[in-house]
PDB file of all heavy atoms in Angstrom:
ATOM      1  N   TYR A   1     -62.651 127.795 -31.820  1.00  0.00           N
ATOM      2  CA  TYR A   1     -62.146 129.167 -31.916  1.00  0.00           C
ATOM      3  C   TYR A   1     -61.433 129.374 -33.257  1.00  0.00           C
ATOM      4  O   TYR A   1     -61.659 130.374 -33.947  1.00  0.00           O
ATOM      5  CB  TYR A   1     -61.201 129.480 -30.756  1.00  0.00           C
ATOM      6  CG  TYR A   1     -60.504 130.813 -30.910  1.00  0.00           C
ATOM      7  CD1 TYR A   1     -61.168 131.999 -30.620  1.00  0.00           C
ATOM      8  CD2 TYR A   1     -59.192 130.889 -31.371  1.00  0.00           C
ATOM      9  CE1 TYR A   1     -60.545 133.221 -30.784  1.00  0.00           C
ATOM     10  CE2 TYR A   1     -58.560 132.111 -31.536  1.00  0.00           C
ATOM     11  CZ  TYR A   1     -59.242 133.268 -31.232  1.00  0.00           C
ATOM     12  OH  TYR A   1     -58.626 134.484 -31.403  1.00  0.00           O
ATOM     13  N   ASN A   2     -60.575 128.421 -33.631  1.00  0.00           N
ATOM     14  CA  ASN A   2     -59.875 128.538 -34.911  1.00  0.00           C
ATOM     15  C   ASN A   2     -60.842 128.555 -36.090  1.00  0.00           C
ATOM     16  O   ASN A   2     -60.608 129.221 -37.105  1.00  0.00           O
ATOM     17  CB  ASN A   2     -58.884 127.393 -35.075  1.00  0.00           C
ATOM     18  CG  ASN A   2     -57.620 127.597 -34.273  1.00  0.00           C
ATOM     19  OD1 ASN A   2     -57.235 128.724 -33.970  1.00  0.00           O
ATOM     20  ND2 ASN A   2     -56.960 126.501 -33.914  1.00  0.00           N
ATOM     21  N   GLU A   3     -61.930 127.819 -35.955  1.00  0.00           N
ATOM     22  CA  GLU A   3     -62.948 127.796 -37.011  1.00  0.00           C
ATOM     23  C   GLU A   3     -63.507 129.193 -37.248  1.00  0.00           C
ATOM     24  O   GLU A   3     -63.622 129.657 -38.397  1.00  0.00           O
ATOM     25  CB  GLU A   3     -64.061 126.826 -36.586  1.00  0.00           C
ATOM     26  CG  GLU A   3     -65.244 126.741 -37.498  1.00  0.00           C
ATOM     27  CD  GLU A   3     -66.340 125.869 -36.903  1.00  0.00           C
ATOM     28  OE1 GLU A   3     -66.041 124.725 -36.496  1.00  0.00           O
ATOM     29  OE2 GLU A   3     -67.490 126.342 -36.822  1.00  0.00           O
ATOM     30  N   VAL A   4     -63.860 129.889 -36.169  1.00  0.00           N
ATOM     31  CA  VAL A   4     -64.397 131.249 -36.290  1.00  0.00           C
ATOM     32  C   VAL A   4     -63.298 132.223 -36.712  1.00  0.00           C
ATOM     33  O   VAL A   4     -63.536 133.147 -37.498  1.00  0.00           O
ATOM     34  CB  VAL A   4     -65.050 131.680 -34.959  1.00  0.00           C
ATOM     35  CG1 VAL A   4     -65.559 133.118 -35.046  1.00  0.00           C
ATOM     36  CG2 VAL A   4     -66.186 130.740 -34.595  1.00  0.00           C
ATOM     37  N   TYR A   5     -62.087 132.024 -36.206  1.00  0.00           N
ATOM     38  CA  TYR A   5     -60.948 132.858 -36.581  1.00  0.00           C
ATOM     39  C   TYR A   5     -60.736 132.822 -38.098  1.00  0.00           C
ATOM     40  O   TYR A   5     -60.560 133.857 -38.745  1.00  0.00           O
ATOM     41  CB  TYR A   5     -59.714 132.343 -35.848  1.00  0.00           C
ATOM     42  CG  TYR A   5     -58.467 133.187 -35.978  1.00  0.00           C
ATOM     43  CD1 TYR A   5     -58.100 134.084 -34.972  1.00  0.00           C
ATOM     44  CD2 TYR A   5     -57.622 133.066 -37.085  1.00  0.00           C
ATOM     45  CE1 TYR A   5     -56.942 134.834 -35.069  1.00  0.00           C
ATOM     46  CE2 TYR A   5     -56.467 133.820 -37.186  1.00  0.00           C
ATOM     47  CZ  TYR A   5     -56.129 134.704 -36.179  1.00  0.00           C
ATOM     48  OH  TYR A   5     -54.980 135.449 -36.289  1.00  0.00           O
ATOM     49  N   ASN A   6     -60.765 131.620 -38.682  1.00  0.00           N
ATOM     50  CA  ASN A   6     -60.617 131.488 -40.134  1.00  0.00           C
ATOM     51  C   ASN A   6     -61.721 132.210 -40.884  1.00  0.00           C
ATOM     52  O   ASN A   6     -61.493 132.814 -41.933  1.00  0.00           O
ATOM     53  CB  ASN A   6     -60.630 130.006 -40.524  1.00  0.00           C
ATOM     54  CG  ASN A   6     -59.275 129.345 -40.369  1.00  0.00           C
ATOM     55  OD1 ASN A   6     -58.275 129.849 -40.855  1.00  0.00           O
ATOM     56  ND2 ASN A   6     -59.233 128.214 -39.683  1.00  0.00           N
ATOM     57  N   GLU A   7     -62.919 132.139 -40.344  1.00  0.00           N
ATOM     58  CA  GLU A   7     -64.065 132.743 -41.021  1.00  0.00           C
ATOM     59  C   GLU A   7     -64.022 134.266 -40.962  1.00  0.00           C
ATOM     60  O   GLU A   7     -64.144 134.956 -41.986  1.00  0.00           O
ATOM     61  CB  GLU A   7     -65.355 132.234 -40.382  1.00  0.00           C
ATOM     62  CG  GLU A   7     -66.613 132.860 -40.955  1.00  0.00           C
ATOM     63  CD  GLU A   7     -67.859 132.491 -40.169  1.00  0.00           C
ATOM     64  OE1 GLU A   7     -67.821 131.513 -39.396  1.00  0.00           O
ATOM     65  OE2 GLU A   7     -68.876 133.197 -40.328  1.00  0.00           O
ATOM     66  N   LEU A   8     -63.860 134.816 -39.746  1.00  0.00           N
ATOM     67  CA  LEU A   8     -63.962 136.267 -39.573  1.00  0.00           C
ATOM     68  C   LEU A   8     -62.686 136.983 -39.988  1.00  0.00           C
ATOM     69  O   LEU A   8     -62.734 138.137 -40.428  1.00  0.00           O
ATOM     70  CB  LEU A   8     -64.294 136.602 -38.113  1.00  0.00           C
ATOM     71  CG  LEU A   8     -65.657 136.155 -37.596  1.00  0.00           C
ATOM     72  CD1 LEU A   8     -65.915 136.742 -36.215  1.00  0.00           C
ATOM     73  CD2 LEU A   8     -66.777 136.576 -38.549  1.00  0.00           C
ATOM     74  N   LEU A   9     -61.547 136.324 -39.834  1.00  0.00           N
ATOM     75  CA  LEU A   9     -60.276 136.972 -40.163  1.00  0.00           C
ATOM     76  C   LEU A   9     -59.695 136.431 -41.460  1.00  0.00           C
ATOM     77  O   LEU A   9     -58.473 136.331 -41.616  1.00  0.00           O
ATOM     78  CB  LEU A   9     -59.274 136.793 -39.019  1.00  0.00           C
ATOM     79  CG  LEU A   9     -59.704 137.323 -37.650  1.00  0.00           C
ATOM     80  CD1 LEU A   9     -58.552 137.281 -36.678  1.00  0.00           C
ATOM     81  CD2 LEU A   9     -60.273 138.740 -37.741  1.00  0.00           C
ATOM     82  N   ALA A  10     -60.560 136.078 -42.379  1.00  0.00           N
ATOM     83  CA  ALA A  10     -60.103 135.648 -43.703  1.00  0.00           C
ATOM     84  C   ALA A  10     -59.257 136.763 -44.321  1.00  0.00           C
ATOM     85  O   ALA A  10     -59.638 137.928 -44.323  1.00  0.00           O
ATOM     86  CB  ALA A  10     -61.300 135.334 -44.591  1.00  0.00           C
ATOM     87  N   GLY A  11     -58.098 136.399 -44.806  1.00  0.00           N
ATOM     88  CA  GLY A  11     -57.183 137.394 -45.353  1.00  0.00           C
ATOM     89  C   GLY A  11     -56.126 137.839 -44.377  1.00  0.00           C
ATOM     90  O   GLY A  11     -55.139 138.466 -44.763  1.00  0.00           O
ATOM     91  N   ALA A  12     -56.328 137.518 -43.086  1.00  0.00           N
ATOM     92  CA  ALA A  12     -55.315 137.858 -42.090  1.00  0.00           C
ATOM     93  C   ALA A  12     -54.153 136.872 -42.176  1.00  0.00           C
ATOM     94  O   ALA A  12     -54.347 135.689 -42.453  1.00  0.00           O
ATOM     95  CB  ALA A  12     -55.916 137.823 -40.692  1.00  0.00           C
ATOM     96  N   ASN A  13     -52.957 137.367 -41.925  1.00  0.00           N
ATOM     97  CA  ASN A  13     -51.782 136.500 -41.905  1.00  0.00           C
ATOM     98  C   ASN A  13     -50.902 136.874 -40.716  1.00  0.00           C
ATOM     99  O   ASN A  13     -49.679 136.736 -40.762  1.00  0.00           O
ATOM    100  CB  ASN A  13     -50.998 136.615 -43.205  1.00  0.00           C
ATOM    101  CG  ASN A  13     -50.127 135.390 -43.462  1.00  0.00           C
ATOM    102  OD1 ASN A  13     -50.455 134.293 -43.038  1.00  0.00           O
ATOM    103  ND2 ASN A  13     -49.018 135.575 -44.164  1.00  0.00           N
ATOM    104  N   ALA A  14     -51.529 137.361 -39.667  1.00  0.00           N
ATOM    105  CA  ALA A  14     -50.805 137.871 -38.512  1.00  0.00           C
ATOM    106  C   ALA A  14     -50.015 136.771 -37.809  1.00  0.00           C
ATOM    107  O   ALA A  14     -50.379 135.592 -37.845  1.00  0.00           O
ATOM    108  CB  ALA A  14     -51.788 138.495 -37.519  1.00  0.00           C
ATOM    109  N   ALA A  15     -48.937 137.178 -37.140  1.00  0.00           N
ATOM    110  CA  ALA A  15     -48.310 136.292 -36.168  1.00  0.00           C
ATOM    111  C   ALA A  15     -49.286 136.126 -34.995  1.00  0.00           C
ATOM    112  O   ALA A  15     -50.063 137.029 -34.699  1.00  0.00           O
ATOM    113  CB  ALA A  15     -46.993 136.897 -35.690  1.00  0.00           C
ATOM    114  N   ARG A  16     -49.229 134.974 -34.331  1.00  0.00           N
ATOM    115  CA  ARG A  16     -50.199 134.717 -33.263  1.00  0.00           C
ATOM    116  C   ARG A  16     -49.552 133.916 -32.148  1.00  0.00           C
ATOM    117  O   ARG A  16     -48.610 133.144 -32.381  1.00  0.00           O
ATOM    118  CB  ARG A  16     -51.416 133.962 -33.824  1.00  0.00           C
ATOM    119  CG  ARG A  16     -52.655 134.051 -32.956  1.00  0.00           C
ATOM    120  CD  ARG A  16     -53.819 133.302 -33.579  1.00  0.00           C
ATOM    121  NE  ARG A  16     -53.837 131.899 -33.208  1.00  0.00           N
ATOM    122  CZ  ARG A  16     -54.844 131.061 -33.458  1.00  0.00           C
ATOM    123  NH1 ARG A  16     -55.912 131.493 -34.131  1.00  0.00           N
ATOM    124  NH2 ARG A  16     -54.802 129.805 -33.081  1.00  0.00           N
ATOM    125  N   CYS A  17     -50.055 134.103 -30.949  1.00  0.00           N
ATOM    126  CA  CYS A  17     -49.614 133.305 -29.809  1.00  0.00           C
ATOM    127  C   CYS A  17     -50.840 132.917 -29.005  1.00  0.00           C
ATOM    128  O   CYS A  17     -51.716 133.755 -28.758  1.00  0.00           O
ATOM    129  CB  CYS A  17     -48.638 134.089 -28.942  1.00  0.00           C
ATOM    130  SG  CYS A  17     -48.003 133.164 -27.527  1.00  0.00           S
ATOM    131  N   SER A  18     -50.920 131.653 -28.612  1.00  0.00           N
ATOM    132  CA  SER A  18     -52.041 131.161 -27.803  1.00  0.00           C
ATOM    133  C   SER A  18     -51.501 130.440 -26.581  1.00  0.00           C
ATOM    134  O   SER A  18     -50.699 129.506 -26.715  1.00  0.00           O
ATOM    135  CB  SER A  18     -52.921 130.198 -28.620  1.00  0.00           C
ATOM    136  OG  SER A  18     -53.486 130.839 -29.749  1.00  0.00           O
ATOM    137  N   VAL A  19     -51.914 130.889 -25.401  1.00  0.00           N
ATOM    138  CA  VAL A  19     -51.529 130.239 -24.158  1.00  0.00           C
ATOM    139  C   VAL A  19     -52.764 130.142 -23.270  1.00  0.00           C
ATOM    140  O   VAL A  19     -53.791 130.777 -23.529  1.00  0.00           O
ATOM    141  CB  VAL A  19     -50.412 131.004 -23.419  1.00  0.00           C
ATOM    142  CG1 VAL A  19     -49.149 131.072 -24.261  1.00  0.00           C
ATOM    143  CG2 VAL A  19     -50.865 132.400 -23.033  1.00  0.00           C
ATOM    144  N   GLY A  20     -52.660 129.356 -22.220  1.00  0.00           N
ATOM    145  CA  GLY A  20     -53.763 129.236 -21.279  1.00  0.00           C
ATOM    146  C   GLY A  20     -53.663 130.272 -20.176  1.00  0.00           C
ATOM    147  O   GLY A  20     -52.604 130.849 -19.922  1.00  0.00           O
ATOM    148  N   GLY A  21     -54.777 130.525 -19.501  1.00  0.00           N
ATOM    149  CA  GLY A  21     -54.786 131.481 -18.396  1.00  0.00           C
ATOM    150  C   GLY A  21     -56.159 131.609 -17.793  1.00  0.00           C
ATOM    151  O   GLY A  21     -57.161 131.181 -18.378  1.00  0.00           O
ATOM    152  N   VAL A  22     -56.215 132.185 -16.600  1.00  0.00           N
ATOM    153  CA  VAL A  22     -57.488 132.464 -15.932  1.00  0.00           C
ATOM    154  C   VAL A  22     -57.913 133.873 -16.304  1.00  0.00           C
ATOM    155  O   VAL A  22     -57.139 134.827 -16.162  1.00  0.00           O
ATOM    156  CB  VAL A  22     -57.359 132.321 -14.405  1.00  0.00           C
ATOM    157  CG1 VAL A  22     -58.675 132.694 -13.722  1.00  0.00           C
ATOM    158  CG2 VAL A  22     -56.957 130.902 -14.034  1.00  0.00           C
ATOM    159  N   LEU A  23     -59.141 134.012 -16.801  1.00  0.00           N
ATOM    160  CA  LEU A  23     -59.628 135.291 -17.300  1.00  0.00           C
ATOM    161  C   LEU A  23     -60.464 136.010 -16.254  1.00  0.00           C
ATOM    162  O   LEU A  23     -60.883 135.443 -15.249  1.00  0.00           O
ATOM    163  CB  LEU A  23     -60.432 135.066 -18.579  1.00  0.00           C
ATOM    164  CG  LEU A  23     -59.667 134.326 -19.688  1.00  0.00           C
ATOM    165  CD1 LEU A  23     -60.569 134.085 -20.893  1.00  0.00           C
ATOM    166  CD2 LEU A  23     -58.431 135.104 -20.098  1.00  0.00           C
ATOM    167  N   GLU A  24     -60.706 137.289 -16.530  1.00  0.00           N
ATOM    168  CA  GLU A  24     -61.328 138.147 -15.525  1.00  0.00           C
ATOM    169  C   GLU A  24     -62.757 137.743 -15.209  1.00  0.00           C
ATOM    170  O   GLU A  24     -63.184 137.816 -14.061  1.00  0.00           O
ATOM    171  CB  GLU A  24     -61.261 139.596 -16.021  1.00  0.00           C
ATOM    172  CG  GLU A  24     -61.439 140.619 -14.948  1.00  0.00           C
ATOM    173  CD  GLU A  24     -61.075 142.011 -15.427  1.00  0.00           C
ATOM    174  OE1 GLU A  24     -60.319 142.138 -16.403  1.00  0.00           O
ATOM    175  OE2 GLU A  24     -61.562 142.973 -14.820  1.00  0.00           O
ATOM    176  N   HIS A  25     -63.507 137.328 -16.213  1.00  0.00           N
ATOM    177  CA  HIS A  25     -64.886 136.892 -15.962  1.00  0.00           C
ATOM    178  C   HIS A  25     -64.915 135.376 -15.874  1.00  0.00           C
ATOM    179  O   HIS A  25     -64.347 134.694 -16.731  1.00  0.00           O
ATOM    180  CB  HIS A  25     -65.824 137.373 -17.076  1.00  0.00           C
ATOM    181  CG  HIS A  25     -67.271 137.237 -16.725  1.00  0.00           C
ATOM    182  ND1 HIS A  25     -67.940 136.034 -16.830  1.00  0.00           N
ATOM    183  CD2 HIS A  25     -68.162 138.133 -16.232  1.00  0.00           C
ATOM    184  CE1 HIS A  25     -69.188 136.204 -16.446  1.00  0.00           C
ATOM    185  NE2 HIS A  25     -69.353 137.466 -16.078  1.00  0.00           N
ATOM    186  N   PRO A  26     -65.576 134.818 -14.860  1.00  0.00           N
ATOM    187  CA  PRO A  26     -65.530 133.359 -14.682  1.00  0.00           C
ATOM    188  C   PRO A  26     -66.155 132.565 -15.813  1.00  0.00           C
ATOM    189  O   PRO A  26     -65.883 131.368 -15.946  1.00  0.00           O
ATOM    190  CB  PRO A  26     -66.285 133.141 -13.363  1.00  0.00           C
ATOM    191  CG  PRO A  26     -67.113 134.370 -13.172  1.00  0.00           C
ATOM    192  CD  PRO A  26     -66.336 135.488 -13.777  1.00  0.00           C
ATOM    193  N   LEU A  27     -66.991 133.190 -16.641  1.00  0.00           N
ATOM    194  CA  LEU A  27     -67.624 132.482 -17.752  1.00  0.00           C
ATOM    195  C   LEU A  27     -66.905 132.717 -19.086  1.00  0.00           C
ATOM    196  O   LEU A  27     -67.295 132.153 -20.102  1.00  0.00           O
ATOM    197  CB  LEU A  27     -69.092 132.901 -17.880  1.00  0.00           C
ATOM    198  CG  LEU A  27     -69.978 132.575 -16.677  1.00  0.00           C
ATOM    199  CD1 LEU A  27     -71.407 133.057 -16.918  1.00  0.00           C
ATOM    200  CD2 LEU A  27     -69.970 131.082 -16.377  1.00  0.00           C
ATOM    201  N   ALA A  28     -65.869 133.548 -19.069  1.00  0.00           N
ATOM    202  CA  ALA A  28     -65.135 133.827 -20.306  1.00  0.00           C
ATOM    203  C   ALA A  28     -64.291 132.630 -20.704  1.00  0.00           C
ATOM    204  O   ALA A  28     -63.630 132.006 -19.866  1.00  0.00           O
ATOM    205  CB  ALA A  28     -64.262 135.059 -20.134  1.00  0.00           C
ATOM    206  N   LEU A  29     -64.276 132.301 -21.972  1.00  0.00           N
ATOM    207  CA  LEU A  29     -63.501 131.177 -22.499  1.00  0.00           C
ATOM    208  C   LEU A  29     -62.263 131.631 -23.254  1.00  0.00           C
ATOM    209  O   LEU A  29     -61.321 130.849 -23.415  1.00  0.00           O
ATOM    210  CB  LEU A  29     -64.379 130.331 -23.422  1.00  0.00           C
ATOM    211  CG  LEU A  29     -65.621 129.712 -22.777  1.00  0.00           C
ATOM    212  CD1 LEU A  29     -66.463 128.988 -23.824  1.00  0.00           C
ATOM    213  CD2 LEU A  29     -65.233 128.771 -21.649  1.00  0.00           C
ATOM    214  N   VAL A  30     -62.241 132.877 -23.716  1.00  0.00           N
ATOM    215  CA  VAL A  30     -61.091 133.360 -24.475  1.00  0.00           C
ATOM    216  C   VAL A  30     -61.034 134.875 -24.359  1.00  0.00           C
ATOM    217  O   VAL A  30     -62.058 135.557 -24.267  1.00  0.00           O
ATOM    218  CB  VAL A  30     -61.175 132.930 -25.958  1.00  0.00           C
ATOM    219  CG1 VAL A  30     -62.356 133.593 -26.665  1.00  0.00           C
ATOM    220  CG2 VAL A  30     -59.877 133.207 -26.697  1.00  0.00           C
ATOM    221  N   GLU A  31     -59.811 135.407 -24.310  1.00  0.00           N
ATOM    222  CA  GLU A  31     -59.574 136.847 -24.410  1.00  0.00           C
ATOM    223  C   GLU A  31     -58.533 137.058 -25.495  1.00  0.00           C
ATOM    224  O   GLU A  31     -57.566 136.297 -25.590  1.00  0.00           O
ATOM    225  CB  GLU A  31     -59.097 137.434 -23.083  1.00  0.00           C
ATOM    226  CG  GLU A  31     -58.822 138.931 -23.165  1.00  0.00           C
ATOM    227  CD  GLU A  31     -58.652 139.606 -21.807  1.00  0.00           C
ATOM    228  OE1 GLU A  31     -59.292 139.154 -20.838  1.00  0.00           O
ATOM    229  OE2 GLU A  31     -57.883 140.577 -21.725  1.00  0.00           O
ATOM    230  N   VAL A  32     -58.730 138.095 -26.293  1.00  0.00           N
ATOM    231  CA  VAL A  32     -57.857 138.338 -27.449  1.00  0.00           C
ATOM    232  C   VAL A  32     -57.411 139.795 -27.446  1.00  0.00           C
ATOM    233  O   VAL A  32     -58.241 140.704 -27.340  1.00  0.00           O
ATOM    234  CB  VAL A  32     -58.575 138.028 -28.771  1.00  0.00           C
ATOM    235  CG1 VAL A  32     -57.645 138.261 -29.959  1.00  0.00           C
ATOM    236  CG2 VAL A  32     -59.113 136.600 -28.779  1.00  0.00           C
ATOM    237  N   ASP A  33     -56.115 140.020 -27.540  1.00  0.00           N
ATOM    238  CA  ASP A  33     -55.635 141.371 -27.812  1.00  0.00           C
ATOM    239  C   ASP A  33     -54.859 141.342 -29.127  1.00  0.00           C
ATOM    240  O   ASP A  33     -54.234 140.341 -29.466  1.00  0.00           O
ATOM    241  CB  ASP A  33     -54.806 141.935 -26.663  1.00  0.00           C
ATOM    242  CG  ASP A  33     -53.616 141.083 -26.275  1.00  0.00           C
ATOM    243  OD1 ASP A  33     -52.583 141.200 -26.953  1.00  0.00           O
ATOM    244  OD2 ASP A  33     -53.706 140.334 -25.293  1.00  0.00           O
ATOM    245  N   ALA A  34     -54.933 142.430 -29.848  1.00  0.00           N
ATOM    246  CA  ALA A  34     -54.417 142.440 -31.218  1.00  0.00           C
ATOM    247  C   ALA A  34     -53.706 143.743 -31.518  1.00  0.00           C
ATOM    248  O   ALA A  34     -53.976 144.790 -30.914  1.00  0.00           O
ATOM    249  CB  ALA A  34     -55.561 142.231 -32.212  1.00  0.00           C
ATOM    250  N   VAL A  35     -52.792 143.660 -32.474  1.00  0.00           N
ATOM    251  CA  VAL A  35     -52.078 144.829 -33.000  1.00  0.00           C
ATOM    252  C   VAL A  35     -52.259 144.836 -34.510  1.00  0.00           C
ATOM    253  O   VAL A  35     -52.049 143.808 -35.174  1.00  0.00           O
ATOM    254  CB  VAL A  35     -50.572 144.789 -32.665  1.00  0.00           C
ATOM    255  CG1 VAL A  35     -49.902 146.082 -33.128  1.00  0.00           C
ATOM    256  CG2 VAL A  35     -50.342 144.554 -31.186  1.00  0.00           C
ATOM    257  N   ALA A  36     -52.638 145.981 -35.041  1.00  0.00           N
ATOM    258  CA  ALA A  36     -52.745 146.150 -36.488  1.00  0.00           C
ATOM    259  C   ALA A  36     -51.809 147.275 -36.917  1.00  0.00           C
ATOM    260  O   ALA A  36     -51.354 148.073 -36.094  1.00  0.00           O
ATOM    261  CB  ALA A  36     -54.184 146.459 -36.899  1.00  0.00           C
TER     262      ALA A  36
END
């Protein structure tokens, strides 16, 4: 995930928080919400 984050969000310097959790779709591996 960090590999793709570095690639797609090049130039971003946002604060970030990562925690574990159960997501709404059983096949989902990550959910992201963002503020710009």
